N, C-alpha and C. Protein backbone atom coordinates (compact mmCIF):
# COMPACT_ATOMS: atom_id res chain seq x y z
N LYS A 1 117.48 170.56 141.39
CA LYS A 1 117.47 170.23 140.33
C LYS A 1 117.36 171.85 139.13
N ALA A 2 116.23 172.67 140.03
CA ALA A 2 116.02 174.06 139.60
C ALA A 2 117.00 174.92 139.70
N LEU A 3 117.80 175.01 140.30
CA LEU A 3 119.26 175.12 140.68
C LEU A 3 120.06 175.65 139.45
N GLU A 4 119.76 173.87 139.51
CA GLU A 4 121.22 173.38 138.00
C GLU A 4 120.60 174.08 136.88
N LYS A 5 119.15 174.38 136.77
CA LYS A 5 118.52 174.60 135.25
C LYS A 5 119.17 175.95 135.03
N ALA A 6 118.93 176.91 136.20
CA ALA A 6 118.70 178.66 136.13
C ALA A 6 120.01 178.91 135.01
N THR A 7 119.55 179.90 134.31
CA THR A 7 120.61 180.54 133.45
C THR A 7 120.65 181.41 133.44
N GLY A 8 120.70 182.67 134.34
CA GLY A 8 120.80 183.30 134.87
C GLY A 8 122.29 183.79 135.48
N ASP A 9 123.24 184.71 135.68
CA ASP A 9 124.41 185.48 135.91
C ASP A 9 124.08 184.72 137.86
N TRP A 10 123.35 185.05 138.07
CA TRP A 10 123.15 185.19 139.92
C TRP A 10 121.28 184.70 139.94
N THR A 11 120.89 183.87 140.81
CA THR A 11 120.20 183.10 141.29
C THR A 11 119.81 183.30 142.75
N LEU A 12 118.13 184.01 142.91
CA LEU A 12 117.59 184.46 144.38
C LEU A 12 116.68 183.26 144.88
N GLN A 13 116.64 182.96 145.57
CA GLN A 13 116.45 181.90 145.66
C GLN A 13 115.30 181.90 147.00
N LEU A 14 113.80 182.52 146.94
CA LEU A 14 112.72 182.50 147.80
C LEU A 14 111.22 181.51 147.91
N ASP A 15 111.08 181.22 149.28
CA ASP A 15 110.00 180.53 149.85
C ASP A 15 108.97 181.57 149.67
N ALA A 16 107.80 180.47 148.94
CA ALA A 16 106.22 181.20 149.19
C ALA A 16 105.69 182.67 150.07
N ASP A 17 106.72 181.91 151.38
CA ASP A 17 105.98 183.15 151.91
C ASP A 17 107.61 183.91 152.92
N GLU A 18 108.22 184.57 151.66
CA GLU A 18 109.11 185.36 151.87
C GLU A 18 108.94 186.95 151.22
N VAL A 19 109.62 187.71 151.66
CA VAL A 19 108.85 188.69 150.71
C VAL A 19 110.12 189.71 150.55
N VAL A 20 110.88 190.11 149.76
CA VAL A 20 111.74 190.91 149.81
C VAL A 20 111.22 192.18 149.83
N THR A 21 112.61 192.98 150.93
CA THR A 21 111.77 194.39 150.97
C THR A 21 113.27 194.97 150.29
N PRO A 22 112.77 196.81 150.37
CA PRO A 22 113.29 197.69 149.16
C PRO A 22 114.53 197.48 149.65
N GLU A 23 114.79 197.68 150.64
CA GLU A 23 116.52 198.20 151.06
C GLU A 23 116.99 197.04 150.69
N LEU A 24 116.51 195.55 150.50
CA LEU A 24 117.38 193.96 149.97
C LEU A 24 117.11 194.13 149.26
N ALA A 25 116.52 194.63 147.98
CA ALA A 25 116.37 194.60 146.45
C ALA A 25 117.40 195.16 145.45
N LYS A 26 117.57 196.30 146.70
CA LYS A 26 118.38 197.54 146.22
C LYS A 26 119.90 196.73 146.11
N GLU A 27 120.34 196.44 147.10
CA GLU A 27 121.19 195.76 147.39
C GLU A 27 121.84 194.72 146.53
N ILE A 28 120.67 193.62 146.73
CA ILE A 28 120.63 192.71 145.04
C ILE A 28 121.20 193.27 143.72
N ARG A 29 120.79 194.44 143.75
CA ARG A 29 120.69 194.94 142.65
C ARG A 29 122.15 195.48 142.60
N GLU A 30 122.89 195.80 143.22
CA GLU A 30 124.15 196.49 143.37
C GLU A 30 125.20 195.51 142.93
N VAL A 31 124.80 193.91 143.63
CA VAL A 31 125.17 192.42 143.00
C VAL A 31 125.51 192.64 141.53
N LEU A 32 124.20 192.15 141.07
CA LEU A 32 124.71 192.19 139.85
C LEU A 32 125.28 193.34 139.04
N ASN A 33 125.76 194.24 139.44
CA ASN A 33 126.14 195.70 138.85
C ASN A 33 127.59 195.20 139.43
N GLY A 34 127.78 195.32 140.35
CA GLY A 34 129.44 194.14 141.08
C GLY A 34 129.91 195.64 141.94
N ASN A 35 128.84 196.51 141.63
CA ASN A 35 129.50 197.49 143.37
C ASN A 35 129.29 197.44 144.72
N TYR A 36 128.60 196.76 145.03
CA TYR A 36 128.59 195.75 146.17
C TYR A 36 129.22 196.16 147.70
N SER A 37 129.48 196.05 148.45
CA SER A 37 130.78 196.17 149.64
C SER A 37 129.75 195.93 151.06
N TYR A 38 130.49 195.14 151.36
CA TYR A 38 129.70 194.25 152.45
C TYR A 38 130.10 195.37 153.96
N LYS A 39 129.60 195.65 154.58
CA LYS A 39 130.40 196.72 155.91
C LYS A 39 130.20 195.39 156.66
N ASN A 40 130.99 195.33 157.64
CA ASN A 40 130.74 194.61 158.76
C ASN A 40 129.73 194.45 159.85
N ASN A 41 129.11 193.16 160.03
CA ASN A 41 128.53 193.50 161.03
C ASN A 41 128.21 191.91 162.14
N ASN A 42 128.80 192.74 163.14
CA ASN A 42 129.19 191.52 164.37
C ASN A 42 128.09 190.28 164.64
N LEU A 43 126.82 191.06 164.62
CA LEU A 43 126.49 190.13 164.57
C LEU A 43 125.83 189.26 163.88
N PHE A 44 126.09 189.69 162.39
CA PHE A 44 125.69 188.47 161.40
C PHE A 44 126.97 187.91 161.32
N GLU A 45 128.34 187.91 162.27
CA GLU A 45 129.59 187.96 161.83
C GLU A 45 129.27 186.40 163.03
N ARG A 46 128.75 186.71 163.98
CA ARG A 46 128.59 186.06 165.46
C ARG A 46 127.62 184.65 164.66
N HIS A 47 126.05 185.44 164.06
CA HIS A 47 125.69 184.04 163.64
C HIS A 47 126.11 182.81 162.64
N GLN A 48 126.80 183.36 161.44
CA GLN A 48 127.33 182.75 160.80
C GLN A 48 128.89 181.66 161.49
N LYS A 49 129.23 182.42 162.46
CA LYS A 49 129.95 181.49 163.25
C LYS A 49 128.97 180.13 163.97
N LEU A 50 128.30 180.53 164.20
CA LEU A 50 126.97 179.16 164.76
C LEU A 50 126.84 178.57 163.82
N ILE A 51 126.43 178.99 163.11
CA ILE A 51 125.88 177.99 161.52
C ILE A 51 126.77 177.06 161.11
N GLU A 52 128.18 177.63 161.29
CA GLU A 52 129.00 176.94 161.32
C GLU A 52 130.08 175.93 161.61
N GLU A 53 129.96 176.08 163.24
CA GLU A 53 129.51 175.23 164.73
C GLU A 53 129.20 173.56 164.17
N ARG A 54 127.67 174.12 163.71
CA ARG A 54 126.83 173.31 163.38
C ARG A 54 126.88 172.82 161.91
N ASP A 55 127.40 173.06 161.37
CA ASP A 55 127.12 172.15 159.55
C ASP A 55 128.79 172.40 159.29
N GLY A 56 130.00 172.84 160.13
CA GLY A 56 131.29 172.83 158.58
C GLY A 56 131.48 173.90 158.25
N PRO A 57 132.71 174.42 158.10
CA PRO A 57 132.92 175.44 157.15
C PRO A 57 132.11 175.52 156.02
N ILE A 58 131.63 176.76 155.62
CA ILE A 58 131.08 177.18 154.84
C ILE A 58 131.55 177.68 153.41
N GLY A 59 131.59 177.75 151.90
CA GLY A 59 132.57 177.88 151.06
C GLY A 59 133.92 177.87 151.18
N LYS A 60 134.99 177.84 149.92
CA LYS A 60 136.12 177.87 150.38
C LYS A 60 136.75 179.22 149.33
N LYS A 61 138.19 179.44 150.07
CA LYS A 61 138.71 180.77 150.10
C LYS A 61 139.51 180.94 148.55
N THR A 62 138.86 181.22 147.89
CA THR A 62 139.12 181.38 146.27
C THR A 62 139.09 183.18 145.81
N GLY A 63 138.99 183.95 146.50
CA GLY A 63 138.80 185.30 146.67
C GLY A 63 137.52 185.49 145.77
N GLU A 64 136.81 184.67 145.48
CA GLU A 64 135.81 185.04 144.74
C GLU A 64 134.59 185.44 145.41
N THR A 65 133.76 185.93 145.28
CA THR A 65 132.00 185.81 146.49
C THR A 65 131.11 184.95 145.46
N VAL A 66 130.46 183.99 145.44
CA VAL A 66 129.55 183.65 144.96
C VAL A 66 128.69 182.99 145.56
N GLY A 67 127.99 183.38 146.86
CA GLY A 67 127.08 183.83 147.31
C GLY A 67 126.92 184.73 148.71
N TYR A 68 125.70 184.32 149.33
CA TYR A 68 125.25 186.05 150.06
C TYR A 68 124.59 185.07 150.78
N PHE A 69 124.39 185.72 152.28
CA PHE A 69 123.45 185.32 153.61
C PHE A 69 122.53 186.66 153.04
N ILE A 70 121.24 186.42 153.79
CA ILE A 70 120.35 187.39 153.83
C ILE A 70 119.91 187.41 155.19
N PRO A 71 119.69 188.28 156.06
CA PRO A 71 119.19 187.58 157.34
C PRO A 71 117.57 187.86 157.19
N ARG A 72 116.80 186.87 157.80
CA ARG A 72 115.25 186.89 157.97
C ARG A 72 114.90 187.02 159.22
N LEU A 73 113.76 188.42 158.86
CA LEU A 73 112.81 188.82 159.34
C LEU A 73 111.91 187.71 159.79
N ASN A 74 111.79 186.80 161.11
CA ASN A 74 110.60 186.14 160.83
C ASN A 74 109.72 186.57 161.95
N ILE A 75 108.40 186.44 160.90
CA ILE A 75 107.26 187.19 161.55
C ILE A 75 105.82 185.85 162.10
N PHE A 76 105.76 185.84 163.64
CA PHE A 76 105.62 184.78 164.41
C PHE A 76 104.70 185.47 164.97
N LEU A 77 103.54 184.56 164.27
CA LEU A 77 101.69 184.96 165.23
C LEU A 77 101.36 186.34 164.37
N GLY A 78 101.96 187.20 163.67
CA GLY A 78 101.86 187.95 163.19
C GLY A 78 102.74 189.10 163.71
N LYS A 79 103.62 189.26 164.01
CA LYS A 79 104.27 190.35 164.89
C LYS A 79 106.08 189.83 164.55
N PRO A 80 106.98 190.40 164.65
CA PRO A 80 107.80 190.01 164.41
C PRO A 80 108.92 189.83 165.40
N LEU A 81 109.89 188.88 165.69
CA LEU A 81 110.77 187.98 166.28
C LEU A 81 112.45 188.38 166.04
N ILE A 82 112.31 189.56 167.41
CA ILE A 82 113.75 190.39 167.64
C ILE A 82 115.10 189.54 168.32
N HIS A 83 113.89 188.43 169.10
CA HIS A 83 115.19 188.19 169.80
C HIS A 83 114.87 186.70 170.31
N ALA A 84 115.09 186.19 171.16
CA ALA A 84 115.14 184.80 171.27
C ALA A 84 116.27 183.96 170.18
N GLY A 85 117.04 184.56 169.91
CA GLY A 85 117.98 183.72 168.91
C GLY A 85 117.88 183.71 167.93
N VAL A 86 116.57 184.39 167.47
CA VAL A 86 115.94 184.11 165.69
C VAL A 86 116.36 184.90 164.59
N TYR A 87 117.13 186.42 165.56
CA TYR A 87 117.21 186.77 164.32
C TYR A 87 118.65 187.76 164.25
N PRO A 88 119.51 187.00 162.96
CA PRO A 88 119.18 187.41 161.71
C PRO A 88 118.71 186.46 160.99
N ASP A 89 118.47 184.88 161.73
CA ASP A 89 117.78 184.09 160.99
C ASP A 89 118.75 183.64 159.30
N GLY A 90 120.26 183.75 159.41
CA GLY A 90 120.70 183.94 157.66
C GLY A 90 120.83 182.76 157.02
N VAL A 91 120.53 182.70 156.01
CA VAL A 91 119.95 182.20 155.27
C VAL A 91 121.12 181.87 153.52
N ILE A 92 121.08 181.26 152.73
CA ILE A 92 122.01 181.65 151.75
C ILE A 92 121.07 181.43 150.92
N ARG A 93 120.67 182.68 150.16
CA ARG A 93 119.85 182.54 149.28
C ARG A 93 120.60 183.60 147.58
N LEU A 94 121.19 184.20 148.04
CA LEU A 94 121.92 184.70 146.79
C LEU A 94 123.02 184.06 145.72
N VAL A 95 122.89 183.51 144.74
CA VAL A 95 124.05 182.35 144.45
C VAL A 95 124.96 182.31 143.22
N LYS A 96 126.03 182.68 142.96
CA LYS A 96 126.67 182.93 141.21
C LYS A 96 126.33 181.61 141.14
N ASN A 97 125.77 181.58 139.10
CA ASN A 97 125.42 180.30 138.81
C ASN A 97 126.55 179.50 138.26
N GLY A 98 126.62 177.99 138.56
CA GLY A 98 127.54 177.11 138.42
C GLY A 98 128.31 177.63 139.69
N LYS A 99 128.26 177.56 141.06
CA LYS A 99 129.22 177.73 141.82
C LYS A 99 128.07 177.35 142.85
N ALA A 100 126.80 176.67 143.35
CA ALA A 100 126.19 176.70 144.23
C ALA A 100 125.95 175.28 143.66
N ARG A 101 125.44 174.51 145.41
CA ARG A 101 124.94 173.02 145.01
C ARG A 101 123.97 172.84 146.50
N PHE A 102 122.72 172.33 146.21
CA PHE A 102 122.16 171.57 147.46
C PHE A 102 123.25 170.02 148.13
N PRO A 103 123.27 170.29 149.08
CA PRO A 103 123.83 169.46 149.47
C PRO A 103 123.20 168.16 149.73
N GLN A 104 121.32 168.02 149.33
CA GLN A 104 120.51 167.13 149.92
C GLN A 104 120.21 166.60 151.30
N LYS A 105 120.07 167.17 151.98
CA LYS A 105 119.84 166.79 153.83
C LYS A 105 118.41 167.14 153.79
N SER A 106 117.69 166.35 154.95
CA SER A 106 116.12 166.75 155.27
C SER A 106 116.42 167.73 156.19
N VAL A 107 117.39 168.42 157.27
CA VAL A 107 117.04 168.89 158.25
C VAL A 107 118.18 169.57 157.91
N HIS A 108 118.37 171.73 158.15
CA HIS A 108 119.12 172.22 158.49
C HIS A 108 120.48 172.47 157.10
N GLU A 109 119.67 172.19 156.05
CA GLU A 109 120.11 171.90 154.65
C GLU A 109 120.99 173.92 154.58
N GLN A 110 121.58 173.78 154.39
CA GLN A 110 122.81 174.70 153.35
C GLN A 110 123.30 174.39 152.19
N ILE A 111 123.23 175.42 151.95
CA ILE A 111 123.24 175.66 150.38
C ILE A 111 125.15 175.56 150.27
N SER A 112 125.92 174.77 149.46
CA SER A 112 127.84 174.32 149.31
C SER A 112 128.09 175.18 148.33
N LEU A 113 129.05 176.23 148.73
CA LEU A 113 129.67 176.89 147.55
C LEU A 113 130.80 176.76 147.53
N ASP A 114 131.33 176.54 145.71
CA ASP A 114 132.58 177.20 145.01
C ASP A 114 133.19 177.93 145.26
N GLY A 115 133.15 178.92 146.73
CA GLY A 115 134.03 180.46 146.80
C GLY A 115 133.67 180.77 147.87
N GLU A 116 133.92 181.77 148.31
CA GLU A 116 133.32 182.83 149.64
C GLU A 116 132.04 183.22 149.10
N VAL A 117 131.48 183.32 151.27
CA VAL A 117 130.81 183.71 151.21
C VAL A 117 130.42 185.38 151.95
N SER A 118 129.11 186.34 151.64
CA SER A 118 129.40 187.11 152.58
C SER A 118 128.07 187.67 152.81
N TRP A 119 127.93 188.08 153.10
CA TRP A 119 126.31 188.95 153.42
C TRP A 119 125.70 189.51 153.29
N LEU A 120 124.70 190.19 152.29
CA LEU A 120 123.56 191.52 152.55
C LEU A 120 122.90 191.59 153.65
N SER A 121 122.12 192.85 153.97
CA SER A 121 122.20 193.22 154.81
C SER A 121 120.64 194.05 155.26
N GLY A 122 120.24 194.45 153.60
CA GLY A 122 118.36 193.98 153.98
C GLY A 122 117.44 192.85 154.48
N ASN A 123 116.87 193.11 154.71
CA ASN A 123 116.02 191.81 155.43
C ASN A 123 114.86 191.51 154.24
N LEU A 124 115.12 189.92 154.65
CA LEU A 124 113.81 189.48 153.57
C LEU A 124 112.88 188.92 155.01
N LEU A 125 111.74 188.92 154.80
CA LEU A 125 110.56 189.42 155.13
C LEU A 125 110.25 188.13 155.39
N HIS A 126 109.72 186.74 156.68
CA HIS A 126 109.54 185.68 156.32
C HIS A 126 107.89 184.98 156.55
N TYR A 127 106.96 184.94 156.61
CA TYR A 127 105.96 185.23 157.46
C TYR A 127 105.51 183.78 157.70
N ASP A 128 106.44 183.19 158.52
CA ASP A 128 106.57 182.10 158.55
C ASP A 128 104.98 181.46 159.76
N SER A 129 104.61 181.56 160.26
CA SER A 129 103.69 180.96 160.88
C SER A 129 102.62 182.12 161.57
N PRO A 130 102.00 182.45 160.72
CA PRO A 130 100.62 183.04 161.00
C PRO A 130 99.87 182.91 161.83
N THR A 131 99.57 181.83 162.36
CA THR A 131 98.53 181.74 163.54
C THR A 131 99.78 180.55 163.81
N LEU A 132 98.72 179.88 164.93
CA LEU A 132 99.31 178.91 166.00
C LEU A 132 99.51 177.04 164.95
N LYS A 133 98.23 177.16 164.87
CA LYS A 133 97.53 176.03 164.03
C LYS A 133 99.06 175.73 162.93
N ARG A 134 99.28 176.81 162.15
CA ARG A 134 100.01 176.63 160.75
C ARG A 134 101.47 176.11 161.43
N TYR A 135 101.86 176.40 162.84
CA TYR A 135 103.15 176.22 163.10
C TYR A 135 102.96 175.49 163.65
N LEU A 136 102.20 174.55 164.34
CA LEU A 136 101.78 173.31 164.89
C LEU A 136 102.48 171.83 163.98
N SER A 137 101.71 172.60 162.75
CA SER A 137 101.64 171.66 161.71
C SER A 137 103.33 171.53 161.50
N ARG A 138 104.26 172.84 161.08
CA ARG A 138 105.24 172.83 160.84
C ARG A 138 105.99 172.21 161.59
N LEU A 139 105.96 172.44 162.89
CA LEU A 139 106.78 171.65 163.94
C LEU A 139 106.15 169.45 164.37
N ASN A 140 105.27 169.48 163.05
CA ASN A 140 104.83 167.97 163.63
C ASN A 140 105.47 167.68 162.19
N ARG A 141 105.56 168.78 161.02
CA ARG A 141 106.71 167.76 160.10
C ARG A 141 108.26 167.28 160.65
N TYR A 142 108.41 169.05 160.81
CA TYR A 142 109.71 168.70 160.99
C TYR A 142 110.42 168.01 162.40
N THR A 143 109.45 167.79 163.12
CA THR A 143 109.83 166.83 163.72
C THR A 143 109.53 165.66 163.86
N ASP A 144 108.98 165.07 162.73
CA ASP A 144 109.18 163.76 161.57
C ASP A 144 110.39 163.80 160.83
N LEU A 145 110.87 164.62 160.40
CA LEU A 145 112.19 164.47 160.01
C LEU A 145 113.02 164.15 160.82
N LYS A 146 113.22 164.84 162.19
CA LYS A 146 114.21 164.10 163.24
C LYS A 146 114.51 162.78 163.47
N ALA A 147 113.77 162.51 164.15
CA ALA A 147 112.67 161.31 163.90
C ALA A 147 113.47 160.62 162.83
N HIS A 148 113.62 160.48 162.22
CA HIS A 148 114.41 160.17 161.14
C HIS A 148 115.72 160.29 161.27
N GLU A 149 116.06 161.09 160.93
CA GLU A 149 117.67 161.42 161.61
C GLU A 149 117.95 160.81 163.05
N LEU A 150 116.77 160.72 164.11
CA LEU A 150 117.33 160.08 164.99
C LEU A 150 118.01 158.64 164.58
N ARG A 151 117.12 157.98 164.03
CA ARG A 151 116.56 156.60 163.36
C ARG A 151 117.88 156.25 162.40
N ASN A 152 118.02 156.91 161.61
CA ASN A 152 119.53 156.97 160.93
C ASN A 152 121.30 156.78 161.30
N ASN A 153 120.64 157.75 162.65
CA ASN A 153 122.05 157.42 163.51
C ASN A 153 122.05 156.98 164.69
N GLN A 154 120.95 155.84 164.73
CA GLN A 154 120.80 155.01 165.95
C GLN A 154 120.99 155.63 166.97
N VAL A 155 120.65 156.48 167.40
CA VAL A 155 120.51 157.26 168.76
C VAL A 155 120.50 156.14 169.57
N SER A 156 120.77 156.12 170.82
CA SER A 156 120.70 155.45 172.14
C SER A 156 118.85 155.75 172.22
N LYS A 157 118.81 154.28 172.61
CA LYS A 157 117.14 154.93 173.61
C LYS A 157 117.28 153.82 175.41
N GLY A 158 118.73 153.95 175.44
CA GLY A 158 118.78 153.84 176.70
C GLY A 158 117.89 155.19 177.60
N VAL A 159 118.17 154.92 179.04
CA VAL A 159 118.25 155.89 179.75
C VAL A 159 118.66 157.43 180.06
N ILE A 160 120.19 157.26 179.38
CA ILE A 160 121.06 158.31 179.83
C ILE A 160 120.55 159.46 178.27
N SER A 161 120.05 158.89 177.22
CA SER A 161 119.44 159.80 175.96
C SER A 161 117.91 159.89 176.22
N PHE A 162 117.00 159.07 177.23
CA PHE A 162 115.96 159.66 177.16
C PHE A 162 115.87 161.16 178.44
N LEU A 163 117.22 160.90 178.78
CA LEU A 163 116.55 161.99 179.81
C LEU A 163 117.41 163.10 179.23
N MET A 164 118.21 162.89 178.49
CA MET A 164 118.53 164.31 177.46
C MET A 164 117.62 164.66 177.04
N PHE A 165 117.01 163.99 176.01
CA PHE A 165 116.19 164.30 174.52
C PHE A 165 114.55 164.75 175.74
N THR A 166 114.15 164.61 176.79
CA THR A 166 113.44 165.01 177.53
C THR A 166 113.35 165.96 178.63
N LEU A 167 114.18 166.09 179.23
CA LEU A 167 114.76 167.37 180.00
C LEU A 167 116.07 168.28 179.89
N TYR A 168 117.09 167.47 179.57
CA TYR A 168 118.17 168.47 179.60
C TYR A 168 118.25 169.32 178.55
N TYR A 169 117.96 168.52 177.28
CA TYR A 169 117.99 169.31 175.69
C TYR A 169 116.48 170.11 176.02
N PRO A 170 115.57 169.80 176.19
CA PRO A 170 114.32 170.86 176.45
C PRO A 170 115.04 172.10 177.27
N LEU A 171 114.56 171.52 178.21
CA LEU A 171 115.23 172.96 179.59
C LEU A 171 116.49 173.76 178.74
N ALA A 172 117.85 173.36 178.53
CA ALA A 172 118.81 174.08 178.09
C ALA A 172 118.25 174.84 176.70
N THR A 173 117.48 174.75 176.08
CA THR A 173 117.07 175.17 174.79
C THR A 173 115.96 176.19 175.19
N PHE A 174 114.76 176.25 175.97
CA PHE A 174 114.03 176.91 176.56
C PHE A 174 114.79 178.75 177.20
N PHE A 175 115.84 178.03 178.05
CA PHE A 175 116.66 178.96 178.66
C PHE A 175 117.08 179.88 178.36
N LYS A 176 118.15 178.94 176.66
CA LYS A 176 119.13 180.11 176.24
C LYS A 176 117.95 180.85 175.37
N LEU A 177 117.17 180.28 175.08
CA LEU A 177 116.15 181.47 173.99
C LEU A 177 115.28 182.39 174.76
N TYR A 178 114.97 181.62 175.94
CA TYR A 178 113.80 182.90 176.47
C TYR A 178 114.38 183.95 177.22
N PHE A 179 115.47 183.16 178.11
CA PHE A 179 116.12 184.49 178.72
C PHE A 179 117.94 184.64 178.42
N ARG A 180 118.62 183.46 178.02
CA ARG A 180 119.55 184.61 177.54
C ARG A 180 119.92 185.30 176.33
N HIS A 181 118.70 184.59 175.31
CA HIS A 181 118.39 185.77 173.96
C HIS A 181 117.17 186.44 174.05
N LEU A 182 116.45 186.73 175.63
CA LEU A 182 115.68 187.84 175.53
C LEU A 182 114.58 187.73 175.19
N GLY A 183 114.25 186.02 174.73
CA GLY A 183 113.12 186.10 174.38
C GLY A 183 112.01 186.73 174.81
N PHE A 184 112.19 186.92 176.18
CA PHE A 184 110.70 187.87 177.29
C PHE A 184 110.35 188.27 176.35
N MET A 185 111.18 189.83 175.74
CA MET A 185 111.05 191.01 175.64
C MET A 185 110.00 191.00 174.42
N ASP A 186 110.26 189.78 173.73
CA ASP A 186 108.68 189.96 172.43
C ASP A 186 107.57 189.07 172.75
N GLY A 187 107.43 189.44 174.41
CA GLY A 187 105.89 189.08 174.61
C GLY A 187 105.63 187.54 174.65
N VAL A 188 104.23 187.62 174.46
CA VAL A 188 103.50 186.54 174.23
C VAL A 188 104.93 185.15 173.18
N SER A 189 104.94 185.85 171.76
CA SER A 189 105.89 185.65 170.35
C SER A 189 106.59 184.96 171.34
N GLY A 190 107.14 185.32 172.01
CA GLY A 190 108.23 184.88 172.29
C GLY A 190 109.11 183.89 173.43
N PHE A 191 107.33 183.96 174.49
CA PHE A 191 107.42 182.88 175.34
C PHE A 191 107.19 181.17 174.04
N LEU A 192 106.20 181.43 173.24
CA LEU A 192 105.62 180.45 172.44
C LEU A 192 107.01 179.85 171.78
N TRP A 193 107.28 181.30 170.84
CA TRP A 193 109.01 180.04 169.88
C TRP A 193 109.63 179.61 171.34
N SER A 194 110.05 180.03 172.06
CA SER A 194 111.08 179.32 172.92
C SER A 194 110.26 178.20 173.46
N PHE A 195 109.21 178.34 173.99
CA PHE A 195 108.67 176.91 174.51
C PHE A 195 108.84 175.80 173.25
N PHE A 196 107.95 176.30 172.41
CA PHE A 196 107.76 174.62 171.45
C PHE A 196 109.35 174.36 170.90
N SER A 197 110.54 175.66 170.62
CA SER A 197 111.73 175.45 170.02
C SER A 197 112.40 174.18 171.40
N ALA A 198 111.90 174.38 172.64
CA ALA A 198 112.61 173.27 173.37
C ALA A 198 111.48 171.74 172.97
N MET A 199 109.87 172.20 172.23
CA MET A 199 109.88 171.16 172.63
C MET A 199 109.73 170.14 171.66
N HIS A 200 110.72 170.65 170.60
CA HIS A 200 110.98 169.60 169.43
C HIS A 200 111.76 168.09 169.64
N PHE A 201 112.63 168.69 170.54
CA PHE A 201 113.33 167.29 171.50
C PHE A 201 113.03 166.31 171.85
N PRO A 202 111.87 166.29 172.82
CA PRO A 202 110.96 165.34 173.61
C PRO A 202 110.50 165.02 172.37
N VAL A 203 109.57 165.72 171.43
CA VAL A 203 108.50 165.22 170.83
C VAL A 203 109.41 164.20 169.63
N ALA A 204 109.86 164.51 168.94
CA ALA A 204 111.38 163.86 167.88
C ALA A 204 111.22 162.86 168.32
N TYR A 205 112.33 162.56 169.68
CA TYR A 205 112.40 161.43 170.38
C TYR A 205 111.69 160.80 170.77
N PHE A 206 110.59 161.05 170.75
CA PHE A 206 109.39 160.20 170.93
C PHE A 206 108.77 159.26 169.73
N LYS A 207 108.70 160.00 168.94
CA LYS A 207 108.17 160.11 167.91
C LYS A 207 109.24 158.69 167.34
N TYR A 208 110.51 158.81 167.31
CA TYR A 208 111.80 157.92 167.17
C TYR A 208 111.26 157.11 168.27
N LEU A 209 111.30 156.57 169.44
CA LEU A 209 111.08 156.04 170.46
C LEU A 209 109.55 154.64 169.72
N THR A 210 108.97 155.48 169.21
CA THR A 210 107.45 154.83 169.08
C THR A 210 107.66 153.98 167.05
N SER A 211 108.55 154.65 166.45
CA SER A 211 108.41 154.00 165.34
C SER A 211 108.92 152.68 164.77
């Protein structure tokens, strides 16, 4: 509703725990002035491809850029997470008025665009979880949402699904984040992030089983 009521030519969406860096602010001004030029970045483009594999194609081929992904640098337990598949954590946050809408999803919500999407390269600092207590509180909320999604999709409660959610998905996720995406290079923070990311699956599934 807030996005629909915005009156500016462009809208920048921010959460309360996010901070715009000077580099990002400079690029946003360039977009507003019509002189921003995206420089190819393979990391960003690979990240966008993964998002589209999960959520479907983003935007439409219209010849007009109406939205921008912004790379988020997540500050986890007081330290930036560079590895573990976390960066750039791209989110579409700068959108042209009248060309964007929210699809009303509870998990992995991504703005829908009536036009094309590009990238800014300046970081948006995301002070996601300053303490482990805060992170666990968020994990509890997100696994509630995931359990609700499993219930809506009528996911099987049989043996195969049980093994997938309690063994395969968490183990595959941990090894992917901690080893393949070098989470171990972020020290204790990288281990905790990889471990709890893996635990989303069994926690959500057990909530679903017992609901």
